[in-house]
Structure formats: C-alpha cells, structure tokens
PDB file of N, CA and C in Angstrom:
ATOM      1  N   UNK A   1     276.078 145.778  84.050  1.00  0.00           N
ATOM      2  CA  UNK A   1     275.069 145.234  84.895  1.00  0.00           C
ATOM      3  C   UNK A   1     275.018 143.734  84.662  1.00  0.00           C
ATOM      4  N   UNK A   2     275.415 143.001  85.675  1.00  0.00           N
ATOM      5  CA  UNK A   2     275.553 141.554  85.556  1.00  0.00           C
ATOM      6  C   UNK A   2     274.960 140.886  86.774  1.00  0.00           C
ATOM      7  N   UNK A   3     274.361 139.738  86.554  1.00  0.00           N
ATOM      8  CA  UNK A   3     273.939 138.871  87.639  1.00  0.00           C
ATOM      9  C   UNK A   3     274.487 137.485  87.396  1.00  0.00           C
ATOM     10  N   UNK A   4     274.819 136.787  88.473  1.00  0.00           N
ATOM     11  CA  UNK A   4     275.374 135.445  88.393  1.00  0.00           C
ATOM     12  C   UNK A   4     274.472 134.467  89.129  1.00  0.00           C
ATOM     13  N   UNK A   5     274.341 133.255  88.576  1.00  0.00           N
ATOM     14  CA  UNK A   5     273.554 132.188  89.203  1.00  0.00           C
ATOM     15  C   UNK A   5     274.326 130.881  89.113  1.00  0.00           C
ATOM     16  N   UNK A   6     274.247 130.093  90.158  1.00  0.00           N
ATOM     17  CA  UNK A   6     274.853 128.765  90.159  1.00  0.00           C
ATOM     18  C   UNK A   6     273.900 127.763  89.528  1.00  0.00           C
ATOM     19  N   UNK A   7     274.434 126.661  89.063  1.00  0.00           N
ATOM     20  CA  UNK A   7     273.600 125.589  88.517  1.00  0.00           C
ATOM     21  C   UNK A   7     274.294 124.258  88.745  1.00  0.00           C
ATOM     22  N   UNK A   8     273.518 123.172  88.673  1.00  0.00           N
ATOM     23  CA  UNK A   8     274.045 121.827  88.903  1.00  0.00           C
ATOM     24  C   UNK A   8     273.543 120.864  87.837  1.00  0.00           C
ATOM     25  N   UNK A   9     273.487 121.326  86.606  1.00  0.00           N
ATOM     26  CA  UNK A   9     273.017 120.537  85.477  1.00  0.00           C
ATOM     27  C   UNK A   9     274.044 120.651  84.352  1.00  0.00           C
ATOM     28  N   UNK A  10     273.940 119.840  83.317  1.00  0.00           N
ATOM     29  CA  UNK A  10     274.835 120.011  82.157  1.00  0.00           C
ATOM     30  C   UNK A  10     274.613 121.367  81.484  1.00  0.00           C
ATOM     31  N   UNK A  11     275.684 121.925  80.924  1.00  0.00           N
ATOM     32  CA  UNK A  11     275.630 123.264  80.335  1.00  0.00           C
ATOM     33  C   UNK A  11     274.591 123.384  79.228  1.00  0.00           C
ATOM     34  N   UNK A  12     274.526 122.390  78.347  1.00  0.00           N
ATOM     35  CA  UNK A  12     273.590 122.492  77.231  1.00  0.00           C
ATOM     36  C   UNK A  12     272.146 122.480  77.704  1.00  0.00           C
ATOM     37  N   UNK A  13     271.864 121.736  78.757  1.00  0.00           N
ATOM     38  CA  UNK A  13     270.515 121.709  79.328  1.00  0.00           C
ATOM     39  C   UNK A  13     270.173 123.046  79.977  1.00  0.00           C
ATOM     40  N   UNK A  14     271.142 123.634  80.675  1.00  0.00           N
ATOM     41  CA  UNK A  14     270.934 124.930  81.320  1.00  0.00           C
ATOM     42  C   UNK A  14     270.678 126.014  80.279  1.00  0.00           C
ATOM     43  N   UNK A  15     271.464 126.026  79.196  1.00  0.00           N
ATOM     44  CA  UNK A  15     271.280 127.018  78.144  1.00  0.00           C
ATOM     45  C   UNK A  15     269.911 126.877  77.495  1.00  0.00           C
ATOM     46  N   UNK A  16     269.495 125.661  77.233  1.00  0.00           N
ATOM     47  CA  UNK A  16     268.189 125.426  76.624  1.00  0.00           C
ATOM     48  C   UNK A  16     267.062 125.885  77.555  1.00  0.00           C
ATOM     49  N   UNK A  17     267.178 125.609  78.847  1.00  0.00           N
ATOM     50  CA  UNK A  17     266.155 126.042  79.803  1.00  0.00           C
ATOM     51  C   UNK A  17     266.123 127.567  79.933  1.00  0.00           C
ATOM     52  N   UNK A  18     267.293 128.206  79.907  1.00  0.00           N
ATOM     53  CA  UNK A  18     267.339 129.670  79.971  1.00  0.00           C
ATOM     54  C   UNK A  18     266.700 130.269  78.724  1.00  0.00           C
ATOM     55  N   UNK A  19     266.910 129.638  77.593  1.00  0.00           N
ATOM     56  CA  UNK A  19     266.266 130.091  76.350  1.00  0.00           C
ATOM     57  C   UNK A  19     264.751 130.006  76.481  1.00  0.00           C
ATOM     58  N   UNK A  20     264.261 128.900  77.032  1.00  0.00           N
ATOM     59  CA  UNK A  20     262.814 128.740  77.227  1.00  0.00           C
ATOM     60  C   UNK A  20     262.270 129.784  78.197  1.00  0.00           C
ATOM     61  N   UNK A  21     263.048 130.090  79.230  1.00  0.00           N
ATOM     62  CA  UNK A  21     262.625 131.098  80.211  1.00  0.00           C
ATOM     63  C   UNK A  21     262.492 132.459  79.537  1.00  0.00           C
ATOM     64  N   UNK A  22     263.487 132.846  78.752  1.00  0.00           N
ATOM     65  CA  UNK A  22     263.430 134.142  78.079  1.00  0.00           C
ATOM     66  C   UNK A  22     262.287 134.198  77.067  1.00  0.00           C
ATOM     67  N   UNK A  23     262.042 133.107  76.362  1.00  0.00           N
ATOM     68  CA  UNK A  23     260.923 133.070  75.418  1.00  0.00           C
ATOM     69  C   UNK A  23     259.588 133.178  76.147  1.00  0.00           C
ATOM     70  N   UNK A  24     259.480 132.560  77.320  1.00  0.00           N
ATOM     71  CA  UNK A  24     258.240 132.645  78.092  1.00  0.00           C
ATOM     72  C   UNK A  24     258.006 134.054  78.642  1.00  0.00           C
ATOM     73  N   UNK A  25     259.086 134.843  78.786  1.00  0.00           N
ATOM     74  CA  UNK A  25     258.979 136.230  79.253  1.00  0.00           C
ATOM     75  C   UNK A  25     258.844 137.208  78.084  1.00  0.00           C
ATOM     76  N   UNK A  26     258.526 136.701  76.890  1.00  0.00           N
ATOM     77  CA  UNK A  26     258.280 137.496  75.678  1.00  0.00           C
ATOM     78  C   UNK A  26     259.525 138.191  75.131  1.00  0.00           C
ATOM     79  N   UNK A  27     260.691 137.616  75.346  1.00  0.00           N
ATOM     80  CA  UNK A  27     261.901 138.106  74.697  1.00  0.00           C
ATOM     81  C   UNK A  27     262.039 137.365  73.373  1.00  0.00           C
ATOM     82  N   UNK A  28     262.546 138.058  72.363  1.00  0.00           N
ATOM     83  CA  UNK A  28     262.862 137.435  71.085  1.00  0.00           C
ATOM     84  C   UNK A  28     264.352 137.126  71.065  1.00  0.00           C
ATOM     85  N   UNK A  29     264.704 135.894  70.739  1.00  0.00           N
ATOM     86  CA  UNK A  29     266.105 135.490  70.706  1.00  0.00           C
ATOM     87  C   UNK A  29     266.713 135.946  69.385  1.00  0.00           C
ATOM     88  N   UNK A  30     267.808 136.692  69.467  1.00  0.00           N
ATOM     89  CA  UNK A  30     268.495 137.173  68.273  1.00  0.00           C
ATOM     90  C   UNK A  30     269.601 136.202  67.870  1.00  0.00           C
ATOM     91  N   UNK A  31     270.441 135.826  68.815  1.00  0.00           N
ATOM     92  CA  UNK A  31     271.543 134.916  68.542  1.00  0.00           C
ATOM     93  C   UNK A  31     271.525 133.801  69.577  1.00  0.00           C
ATOM     94  N   UNK A  32     271.505 132.566  69.099  1.00  0.00           N
ATOM     95  CA  UNK A  32     271.553 131.405  69.973  1.00  0.00           C
ATOM     96  C   UNK A  32     272.742 130.573  69.540  1.00  0.00           C
ATOM     97  N   UNK A  33     273.769 130.472  70.370  1.00  0.00           N
ATOM     98  CA  UNK A  33     275.001 129.768  70.028  1.00  0.00           C
ATOM     99  C   UNK A  33     275.272 128.658  71.033  1.00  0.00           C
ATOM    100  N   UNK A  34     274.737 127.454  70.775  1.00  0.00           N
ATOM    101  CA  UNK A  34     274.949 126.361  71.730  1.00  0.00           C
ATOM    102  C   UNK A  34     276.406 125.910  71.811  1.00  0.00           C
ATOM    103  N   UNK A  35     277.203 126.149  70.753  1.00  0.00           N
ATOM    104  CA  UNK A  35     278.609 125.741  70.801  1.00  0.00           C
ATOM    105  C   UNK A  35     279.420 126.608  71.753  1.00  0.00           C
ATOM    106  N   UNK A  36     279.021 127.859  71.965  1.00  0.00           N
ATOM    107  CA  UNK A  36     279.718 128.728  72.919  1.00  0.00           C
ATOM    108  C   UNK A  36     278.881 128.963  74.175  1.00  0.00           C
ATOM    109  N   UNK A  37     277.736 128.289  74.273  1.00  0.00           N
ATOM    110  CA  UNK A  37     276.842 128.388  75.441  1.00  0.00           C
ATOM    111  C   UNK A  37     276.452 129.835  75.729  1.00  0.00           C
ATOM    112  N   UNK A  38     275.982 130.533  74.699  1.00  0.00           N
ATOM    113  CA  UNK A  38     275.597 131.940  74.848  1.00  0.00           C
ATOM    114  C   UNK A  38     274.357 132.230  74.020  1.00  0.00           C
ATOM    115  N   UNK A  39     273.636 133.269  74.418  1.00  0.00           N
ATOM    116  CA  UNK A  39     272.519 133.757  73.625  1.00  0.00           C
ATOM    117  C   UNK A  39     272.311 135.227  73.910  1.00  0.00           C
ATOM    118  N   UNK A  40     271.731 135.928  72.941  1.00  0.00           N
ATOM    119  CA  UNK A  40     271.370 137.332  73.110  1.00  0.00           C
ATOM    120  C   UNK A  40     269.936 137.524  72.638  1.00  0.00           C
ATOM    121  N   UNK A  41     269.298 138.520  73.190  1.00  0.00           N
ATOM    122  CA  UNK A  41     267.937 138.846  72.776  1.00  0.00           C
ATOM    123  C   UNK A  41     267.974 140.002  71.797  1.00  0.00           C
ATOM    124  N   UNK A  42     266.871 140.226  71.135  1.00  0.00           N
ATOM    125  CA  UNK A  42     266.764 141.396  70.266  1.00  0.00           C
ATOM    126  C   UNK A  42     266.593 142.634  71.135  1.00  0.00           C
ATOM    127  N   UNK A  43     266.898 143.767  70.574  1.00  0.00           N
ATOM    128  CA  UNK A  43     266.821 145.023  71.302  1.00  0.00           C
ATOM    129  C   UNK A  43     265.374 145.327  71.704  1.00  0.00           C
ATOM    130  N   UNK A  44     265.214 145.784  72.925  1.00  0.00           N
ATOM    131  CA  UNK A  44     263.896 146.102  73.475  1.00  0.00           C
ATOM    132  C   UNK A  44     263.913 147.549  73.924  1.00  0.00           C
ATOM    133  N   UNK A  45     262.874 148.292  73.564  1.00  0.00           N
ATOM    134  CA  UNK A  45     262.785 149.710  73.935  1.00  0.00           C
ATOM    135  C   UNK A  45     261.890 149.864  75.157  1.00  0.00           C
ATOM    136  N   UNK A  46     262.400 150.611  76.124  1.00  0.00           N
ATOM    137  CA  UNK A  46     261.654 150.916  77.343  1.00  0.00           C
ATOM    138  C   UNK A  46     261.606 152.421  77.474  1.00  0.00           C
ATOM    139  N   UNK A  47     260.422 152.947  77.699  1.00  0.00           N
ATOM    140  CA  UNK A  47     260.284 154.393  77.903  1.00  0.00           C
ATOM    141  C   UNK A  47     260.207 154.654  79.397  1.00  0.00           C
ATOM    142  N   UNK A  48     260.998 155.595  79.819  1.00  0.00           N
ATOM    143  CA  UNK A  48     260.998 155.992  81.218  1.00  0.00           C
ATOM    144  C   UNK A  48     261.012 157.511  81.246  1.00  0.00           C
ATOM    145  N   UNK A  49     259.912 158.083  81.601  1.00  0.00           N
ATOM    146  CA  UNK A  49     259.689 159.533  81.573  1.00  0.00           C
ATOM    147  C   UNK A  49     260.072 160.084  80.202  1.00  0.00           C
ATOM    148  N   UNK A  50     261.029 160.981  80.120  1.00  0.00           N
ATOM    149  CA  UNK A  50     261.410 161.571  78.840  1.00  0.00           C
ATOM    150  C   UNK A  50     262.496 160.780  78.127  1.00  0.00           C
ATOM    151  N   UNK A  51     263.115 159.849  78.825  1.00  0.00           N
ATOM    152  CA  UNK A  51     264.222 159.100  78.241  1.00  0.00           C
ATOM    153  C   UNK A  51     263.734 157.748  77.727  1.00  0.00           C
ATOM    154  N   UNK A  52     264.360 157.319  76.644  1.00  0.00           N
ATOM    155  CA  UNK A  52     264.072 155.999  76.098  1.00  0.00           C
ATOM    156  C   UNK A  52     265.343 155.175  76.205  1.00  0.00           C
ATOM    157  N   UNK A  53     265.208 153.945  76.681  1.00  0.00           N
ATOM    158  CA  UNK A  53     266.338 153.041  76.779  1.00  0.00           C
ATOM    159  C   UNK A  53     266.098 151.853  75.858  1.00  0.00           C
ATOM    160  N   UNK A  54     267.118 151.472  75.120  1.00  0.00           N
ATOM    161  CA  UNK A  54     267.113 150.249  74.335  1.00  0.00           C
ATOM    162  C   UNK A  54     268.096 149.314  75.014  1.00  0.00           C
ATOM    163  N   UNK A  55     267.645 148.105  75.335  1.00  0.00           N
ATOM    164  CA  UNK A  55     268.553 147.184  76.007  1.00  0.00           C
ATOM    165  C   UNK A  55     268.513 145.814  75.362  1.00  0.00           C
ATOM    166  N   UNK A  56     269.609 145.078  75.576  1.00  0.00           N
ATOM    167  CA  UNK A  56     269.767 143.716  75.088  1.00  0.00           C
ATOM    168  C   UNK A  56     270.197 142.865  76.266  1.00  0.00           C
ATOM    169  N   UNK A  57     269.610 141.683  76.387  1.00  0.00           N
ATOM    170  CA  UNK A  57     270.006 140.735  77.428  1.00  0.00           C
ATOM    171  C   UNK A  57     270.958 139.727  76.798  1.00  0.00           C
ATOM    172  N   UNK A  58     272.121 139.579  77.409  1.00  0.00           N
ATOM    173  CA  UNK A  58     273.133 138.619  76.963  1.00  0.00           C
ATOM    174  C   UNK A  58     273.303 137.585  78.057  1.00  0.00           C
ATOM    175  N   UNK A  59     273.197 136.309  77.699  1.00  0.00           N
ATOM    176  CA  UNK A  59     273.292 135.226  78.669  1.00  0.00           C
ATOM    177  C   UNK A  59     274.439 134.312  78.272  1.00  0.00           C
ATOM    178  N   UNK A  60     275.340 134.033  79.210  1.00  0.00           N
ATOM    179  CA  UNK A  60     276.492 133.159  78.981  1.00  0.00           C
ATOM    180  C   UNK A  60     276.499 132.097  80.076  1.00  0.00           C
ATOM    181  N   UNK A  61     276.620 130.843  79.678  1.00  0.00           N
ATOM    182  CA  UNK A  61     276.717 129.749  80.646  1.00  0.00           C
ATOM    183  C   UNK A  61     278.164 129.292  80.674  1.00  0.00           C
ATOM    184  N   UNK A  62     278.832 129.531  81.771  1.00  0.00           N
ATOM    185  CA  UNK A  62     280.191 129.033  81.977  1.00  0.00           C
ATOM    186  C   UNK A  62     280.158 128.240  83.273  1.00  0.00           C
ATOM    187  N   UNK A  63     281.001 128.546  84.229  1.00  0.00           N
ATOM    188  CA  UNK A  63     280.890 127.870  85.519  1.00  0.00           C
ATOM    189  C   UNK A  63     279.691 128.385  86.309  1.00  0.00           C
ATOM    190  N   UNK A  64     279.165 129.533  85.910  1.00  0.00           N
ATOM    191  CA  UNK A  64     277.928 130.100  86.455  1.00  0.00           C
ATOM    192  C   UNK A  64     277.092 130.615  85.297  1.00  0.00           C
ATOM    193  N   UNK A  65     275.826 130.866  85.548  1.00  0.00           N
ATOM    194  CA  UNK A  65     274.979 131.521  84.560  1.00  0.00           C
ATOM    195  C   UNK A  65     275.204 133.017  84.728  1.00  0.00           C
ATOM    196  N   UNK A  66     275.665 133.677  83.670  1.00  0.00           N
ATOM    197  CA  UNK A  66     275.911 135.115  83.705  1.00  0.00           C
ATOM    198  C   UNK A  66     274.856 135.802  82.843  1.00  0.00           C
ATOM    199  N   UNK A  67     274.137 136.753  83.421  1.00  0.00           N
ATOM    200  CA  UNK A  67     273.134 137.505  82.679  1.00  0.00           C
ATOM    201  C   UNK A  67     273.571 138.969  82.672  1.00  0.00           C
ATOM    202  N   UNK A  68     273.863 139.475  81.466  1.00  0.00           N
ATOM    203  CA  UNK A  68     274.332 140.839  81.274  1.00  0.00           C
ATOM    204  C   UNK A  68     273.239 141.662  80.592  1.00  0.00           C
ATOM    205  N   UNK A  69     273.246 142.957  80.868  1.00  0.00           N
ATOM    206  CA  UNK A  69     272.373 143.889  80.154  1.00  0.00           C
ATOM    207  C   UNK A  69     273.253 144.961  79.528  1.00  0.00           C
ATOM    208  N   UNK A  70     273.078 145.156  78.232  1.00  0.00           N
ATOM    209  CA  UNK A  70     273.742 146.253  77.521  1.00  0.00           C
ATOM    210  C   UNK A  70     272.650 147.234  77.121  1.00  0.00           C
ATOM    211  N   UNK A  71     272.831 148.502  77.458  1.00  0.00           N
ATOM    212  CA  UNK A  71     271.775 149.486  77.219  1.00  0.00           C
ATOM    213  C   UNK A  71     272.301 150.714  76.492  1.00  0.00           C
ATOM    214  N   UNK A  72     271.398 151.330  75.739  1.00  0.00           N
ATOM    215  CA  UNK A  72     271.649 152.620  75.097  1.00  0.00           C
ATOM    216  C   UNK A  72     270.521 153.554  75.490  1.00  0.00           C
ATOM    217  N   UNK A  73     270.864 154.805  75.658  1.00  0.00           N
ATOM    218  CA  UNK A  73     269.866 155.804  76.017  1.00  0.00           C
ATOM    219  C   UNK A  73     269.695 156.757  74.854  1.00  0.00           C
ATOM    220  N   UNK A  74     268.452 157.037  74.506  1.00  0.00           N
ATOM    221  CA  UNK A  74     268.160 158.009  73.450  1.00  0.00           C
ATOM    222  C   UNK A  74     267.984 159.381  74.080  1.00  0.00           C
ATOM    223  N   UNK A  75     268.745 160.340  73.573  1.00  0.00           N
ATOM    224  CA  UNK A  75     268.707 161.696  74.106  1.00  0.00           C
ATOM    225  C   UNK A  75     268.271 162.635  72.989  1.00  0.00           C
ATOM    226  N   UNK A  76     267.263 163.436  73.260  1.00  0.00           N
ATOM    227  CA  UNK A  76     266.791 164.426  72.294  1.00  0.00           C
ATOM    228  C   UNK A  76     267.619 165.682  72.464  1.00  0.00           C
ATOM    229  N   UNK A  77     268.267 166.113  71.394  1.00  0.00           N
ATOM    230  CA  UNK A  77     269.081 167.326  71.455  1.00  0.00           C
ATOM    231  C   UNK A  77     268.326 168.476  70.822  1.00  0.00           C
ATOM    232  N   UNK A  78     268.507 169.625  71.398  1.00  0.00           N
ATOM    233  CA  UNK A  78     267.868 170.819  70.861  1.00  0.00           C
ATOM    234  C   UNK A  78     268.919 171.617  70.104  1.00  0.00           C
ATOM    235  N   UNK A  79     268.644 171.842  68.861  1.00  0.00           N
ATOM    236  CA  UNK A  79     269.558 172.638  68.053  1.00  0.00           C
ATOM    237  C   UNK A  79     268.911 173.963  67.703  1.00  0.00           C
ATOM    238  N   UNK A  80     269.682 174.816  67.106  1.00  0.00           N
ATOM    239  CA  UNK A  80     269.114 176.090  66.675  1.00  0.00           C
ATOM    240  C   UNK A  80     268.290 175.871  65.411  1.00  0.00           C
ATOM    241  N   UNK A  81     267.526 176.865  65.023  1.00  0.00           N
ATOM    242  CA  UNK A  81     266.684 176.750  63.840  1.00  0.00           C
ATOM    243  C   UNK A  81     267.507 176.600  62.573  1.00  0.00           C
ATOM    244  N   UNK A  82     268.727 177.094  62.572  1.00  0.00           N
ATOM    245  CA  UNK A  82     269.553 177.042  61.367  1.00  0.00           C
ATOM    246  C   UNK A  82     270.078 175.645  61.060  1.00  0.00           C
ATOM    247  N   UNK A  83     270.150 174.758  62.070  1.00  0.00           N
ATOM    248  CA  UNK A  83     270.677 173.423  61.798  1.00  0.00           C
ATOM    249  C   UNK A  83     269.598 172.348  61.799  1.00  0.00           C
ATOM    250  N   UNK A  84     268.335 172.721  61.718  1.00  0.00           N
ATOM    251  CA  UNK A  84     267.266 171.736  61.664  1.00  0.00           C
ATOM    252  C   UNK A  84     267.382 170.990  60.338  1.00  0.00           C
ATOM    253  N   UNK A  85     267.432 169.702  60.418  1.00  0.00           N
ATOM    254  CA  UNK A  85     267.549 168.873  59.233  1.00  0.00           C
ATOM    255  C   UNK A  85     268.978 168.538  58.861  1.00  0.00           C
ATOM    256  N   UNK A  86     269.944 169.232  59.444  1.00  0.00           N
ATOM    257  CA  UNK A  86     271.346 168.966  59.135  1.00  0.00           C
ATOM    258  C   UNK A  86     271.950 167.928  60.066  1.00  0.00           C
ATOM    259  N   UNK A  87     271.430 167.829  61.257  1.00  0.00           N
ATOM    260  CA  UNK A  87     271.948 166.872  62.228  1.00  0.00           C
ATOM    261  C   UNK A  87     270.796 166.035  62.767  1.00  0.00           C
ATOM    262  N   UNK A  88     271.154 164.883  63.312  1.00  0.00           N
ATOM    263  CA  UNK A  88     270.134 164.072  63.970  1.00  0.00           C
ATOM    264  C   UNK A  88     269.732 164.744  65.274  1.00  0.00           C
ATOM    265  N   UNK A  89     268.456 164.715  65.559  1.00  0.00           N
ATOM    266  CA  UNK A  89     267.969 165.326  66.790  1.00  0.00           C
ATOM    267  C   UNK A  89     267.999 164.348  67.952  1.00  0.00           C
ATOM    268  N   UNK A  90     268.206 163.064  67.660  1.00  0.00           N
ATOM    269  CA  UNK A  90     268.272 162.065  68.712  1.00  0.00           C
ATOM    270  C   UNK A  90     269.658 161.436  68.698  1.00  0.00           C
ATOM    271  N   UNK A  91     270.315 161.464  69.845  1.00  0.00           N
ATOM    272  CA  UNK A  91     271.650 160.892  69.996  1.00  0.00           C
ATOM    273  C   UNK A  91     271.517 159.585  70.785  1.00  0.00           C
ATOM    274  N   UNK A  92     272.181 158.536  70.314  1.00  0.00           N
ATOM    275  CA  UNK A  92     272.230 157.271  71.037  1.00  0.00           C
ATOM    276  C   UNK A  92     273.495 157.274  71.897  1.00  0.00           C
ATOM    277  N   UNK A  93     273.331 157.109  73.204  1.00  0.00           N
ATOM    278  CA  UNK A  93     274.460 157.128  74.125  1.00  0.00           C
ATOM    279  C   UNK A  93     274.510 155.788  74.851  1.00  0.00           C
ATOM    280  N   UNK A  94     275.669 155.112  74.810  1.00  0.00           N
ATOM    281  CA  UNK A  94     275.821 153.853  75.529  1.00  0.00           C
ATOM    282  C   UNK A  94     275.779 154.116  77.022  1.00  0.00           C
ATOM    283  N   UNK A  95     275.079 153.251  77.726  1.00  0.00           N
ATOM    284  CA  UNK A  95     274.948 153.402  79.180  1.00  0.00           C
ATOM    285  C   UNK A  95     275.592 152.213  79.870  1.00  0.00           C
ATOM    286  N   UNK A  96     276.504 152.490  80.779  1.00  0.00           N
ATOM    287  CA  UNK A  96     277.053 151.398  81.566  1.00  0.00           C
ATOM    288  C   UNK A  96     276.244 151.184  82.843  1.00  0.00           C
ATOM    289  N   UNK A  97     275.450 152.166  83.204  1.00  0.00           N
ATOM    290  CA  UNK A  97     274.571 152.041  84.368  1.00  0.00           C
ATOM    291  C   UNK A  97     273.215 152.637  84.018  1.00  0.00           C
ATOM    292  N   UNK A  98     272.194 151.840  84.228  1.00  0.00           N
ATOM    293  CA  UNK A  98     270.836 152.340  84.045  1.00  0.00           C
ATOM    294  C   UNK A  98     270.191 152.441  85.416  1.00  0.00           C
ATOM    295  N   UNK A  99     269.119 153.183  85.560  1.00  0.00           N
ATOM    296  CA  UNK A  99     268.500 153.360  86.881  1.00  0.00           C
ATOM    297  C   UNK A  99     268.146 152.015  87.536  1.00  0.00           C
ATOM    298  N   UNK A 100     268.280 151.983  88.839  1.00  0.00           N
ATOM    299  CA  UNK A 100     268.045 150.758  89.591  1.00  0.00           C
ATOM    300  C   UNK A 100     266.619 150.248  89.412  1.00  0.00           C
ATOM    301  N   UNK A 101     265.657 151.144  89.328  1.00  0.00           N
ATOM    302  CA  UNK A 101     264.270 150.714  89.143  1.00  0.00           C
ATOM    303  C   UNK A 101     264.089 149.995  87.809  1.00  0.00           C
ATOM    304  N   UNK A 102     264.779 150.451  86.787  1.00  0.00           N
ATOM    305  CA  UNK A 102     264.703 149.801  85.483  1.00  0.00           C
ATOM    306  C   UNK A 102     265.438 148.461  85.508  1.00  0.00           C
ATOM    307  N   UNK A 103     266.566 148.399  86.198  1.00  0.00           N
ATOM    308  CA  UNK A 103     267.280 147.127  86.344  1.00  0.00           C
ATOM    309  C   UNK A 103     266.398 146.093  87.031  1.00  0.00           C
ATOM    310  N   UNK A 104     265.720 146.511  88.070  1.00  0.00           N
ATOM    311  CA  UNK A 104     264.821 145.589  88.779  1.00  0.00           C
ATOM    312  C   UNK A 104     263.691 145.119  87.877  1.00  0.00           C
ATOM    313  N   UNK A 105     263.167 146.043  87.066  1.00  0.00           N
ATOM    314  CA  UNK A 105     262.077 145.691  86.163  1.00  0.00           C
ATOM    315  C   UNK A 105     262.519 144.661  85.122  1.00  0.00           C
ATOM    316  N   UNK A 106     263.789 144.690  84.754  1.00  0.00           N
ATOM    317  CA  UNK A 106     264.321 143.726  83.792  1.00  0.00           C
ATOM    318  C   UNK A 106     264.733 142.432  84.483  1.00  0.00           C
ATOM    319  N   UNK A 107     265.517 142.554  85.559  1.00  0.00           N
ATOM    320  CA  UNK A 107     266.106 141.380  86.192  1.00  0.00           C
ATOM    321  C   UNK A 107     265.124 140.548  87.034  1.00  0.00           C
ATOM    322  N   UNK A 108     264.209 141.181  87.744  1.00  0.00           N
ATOM    323  CA  UNK A 108     263.363 140.429  88.673  1.00  0.00           C
ATOM    324  C   UNK A 108     262.553 139.311  88.027  1.00  0.00           C
ATOM    325  N   UNK A 109     261.872 139.521  86.891  1.00  0.00           N
ATOM    326  CA  UNK A 109     261.157 138.389  86.280  1.00  0.00           C
ATOM    327  C   UNK A 109     262.096 137.263  85.837  1.00  0.00           C
ATOM    328  N   UNK A 110     263.280 137.641  85.328  1.00  0.00           N
ATOM    329  CA  UNK A 110     264.251 136.626  84.922  1.00  0.00           C
ATOM    330  C   UNK A 110     264.752 135.870  86.149  1.00  0.00           C
ATOM    331  N   UNK A 111     265.058 136.607  87.217  1.00  0.00           N
ATOM    332  CA  UNK A 111     265.568 135.986  88.443  1.00  0.00           C
ATOM    333  C   UNK A 111     264.560 135.028  89.054  1.00  0.00           C
ATOM    334  N   UNK A 112     263.291 135.435  89.098  1.00  0.00           N
ATOM    335  CA  UNK A 112     262.255 134.560  89.654  1.00  0.00           C
ATOM    336  C   UNK A 112     262.136 133.273  88.861  1.00  0.00           C
ATOM    337  N   UNK A 113     262.163 133.385  87.535  1.00  0.00           N
ATOM    338  CA  UNK A 113     262.030 132.197  86.689  1.00  0.00           C
ATOM    339  C   UNK A 113     263.250 131.286  86.811  1.00  0.00           C
ATOM    340  N   UNK A 114     264.457 131.866  86.840  1.00  0.00           N
ATOM    341  CA  UNK A 114     265.673 131.062  86.964  1.00  0.00           C
ATOM    342  C   UNK A 114     265.722 130.384  88.331  1.00  0.00           C
ATOM    343  N   UNK A 115     265.400 131.121  89.392  1.00  0.00           N
ATOM    344  CA  UNK A 115     265.400 130.542  90.736  1.00  0.00           C
ATOM    345  C   UNK A 115     264.375 129.421  90.861  1.00  0.00           C
ATOM    346  N   UNK A 116     263.223 129.611  90.241  1.00  0.00           N
ATOM    347  CA  UNK A 116     262.181 128.592  90.298  1.00  0.00           C
ATOM    348  C   UNK A 116     262.587 127.348  89.510  1.00  0.00           C
ATOM    349  N   UNK A 117     263.167 127.546  88.337  1.00  0.00           N
ATOM    350  CA  UNK A 117     263.540 126.417  87.479  1.00  0.00           C
ATOM    351  C   UNK A 117     264.690 125.615  88.048  1.00  0.00           C
ATOM    352  N   UNK A 118     265.717 126.292  88.548  1.00  0.00           N
ATOM    353  CA  UNK A 118     266.905 125.609  89.039  1.00  0.00           C
ATOM    354  C   UNK A 118     266.948 125.492  90.549  1.00  0.00           C
ATOM    355  N   UNK A 119     265.877 125.955  91.222  1.00  0.00           N
ATOM    356  CA  UNK A 119     265.764 125.894  92.690  1.00  0.00           C
ATOM    357  C   UNK A 119     267.010 126.460  93.365  1.00  0.00           C
ATOM    358  N   UNK A 120     267.299 127.705  93.031  1.00  0.00           N
ATOM    359  CA  UNK A 120     268.476 128.414  93.543  1.00  0.00           C
ATOM    360  C   UNK A 120     268.003 129.488  94.524  1.00  0.00           C
ATOM    361  N   UNK A 121     268.746 129.692  95.566  1.00  0.00           N
ATOM    362  CA  UNK A 121     268.438 130.760  96.520  1.00  0.00           C
ATOM    363  C   UNK A 121     269.576 131.771  96.509  1.00  0.00           C
ATOM    364  N   UNK A 122     269.659 132.558  95.456  1.00  0.00           N
ATOM    365  CA  UNK A 122     270.654 133.632  95.365  1.00  0.00           C
ATOM    366  C   UNK A 122     270.054 134.914  95.921  1.00  0.00           C
ATOM    367  N   UNK A 123     270.893 135.706  96.568  1.00  0.00           N
ATOM    368  CA  UNK A 123     270.453 137.017  97.009  1.00  0.00           C
ATOM    369  C   UNK A 123     270.445 137.952  95.825  1.00  0.00           C
ATOM    370  N   UNK A 124     269.568 138.926  95.846  1.00  0.00           N
ATOM    371  CA  UNK A 124     269.521 139.920  94.770  1.00  0.00           C
ATOM    372  C   UNK A 124     270.693 140.869  94.979  1.00  0.00           C
ATOM    373  N   UNK A 125     271.568 140.922  93.980  1.00  0.00           N
ATOM    374  CA  UNK A 125     272.701 141.837  94.049  1.00  0.00           C
ATOM    375  C   UNK A 125     273.039 142.286  92.646  1.00  0.00           C
ATOM    376  N   UNK A 126     273.522 143.504  92.544  1.00  0.00           N
ATOM    377  CA  UNK A 126     273.883 144.067  91.264  1.00  0.00           C
ATOM    378  C   UNK A 126     275.383 144.290  91.239  1.00  0.00           C
ATOM    379  N   UNK A 127     276.020 143.943  90.151  1.00  0.00           N
ATOM    380  CA  UNK A 127     277.470 144.112  90.017  1.00  0.00           C
ATOM    381  C   UNK A 127     277.760 145.121  88.948  1.00  0.00           C
TER     382      UNK A 127
END
C-alpha cells in the first residue's frame, strides 16, 4: 500500500516537514534518517471488529514523496484442550493488503496534511 506525492522543495526540507506532519497526527517516530531521506513510525495497533492490525508508516523522499504502510494482522487460533499452553494462541500474519476502510483511515489525515502543506492536488489512489 503506497501513495505518491510530488513536491517542489529541497529534499531535506520536505523530509523535515513530513516529520512534523506525522508528529502533529500523533505518530511516534521510530527511525529518522536524514542522510537517506527516510523515516518510519513506531508500530500502531488498530482494532477492527475481531481482528487487530499493527501497522507502520514508512516515508521515503526521492523524486516523489512515497508513503508506505506495512501491516500485520493478529489472528486468534483455536486449539484443542490438550495443546493449551504449548502453542501461542495468537498468530501474527503479514498483510500485503488491508481493508480499504482502514487504508482510508490511515492515509486520509496524512494526505490532507501533505496536500495542505505542499499545496498539491493529487487524486486519491491506492497502489
């Protein structure tokens, strides 16, 4: 899940502004690498009905601003009574696609802030 945005400023300024945007949206920055023009947020847990998703936002500034989401889904497994305590009851499964409603809930606040800051008129599209 990736979104791309154009910009017309120096890369270091764009990365710093994107960092400020994510901090204003209550994300905690885990890795900030100005030498490679990238940053990642700490893992965030979202509950959606019975499923729990943990996601990380990865931002890379190259010729465009690239915003990626990496997600894991927690799945509760039911085992027999004989294996209780022998195995984990929750399995972490990597997700390459999360529900569109959850993607919108993550991307829309970021998109609004980026569009407002850099005065960009990108269409909403998911890749």
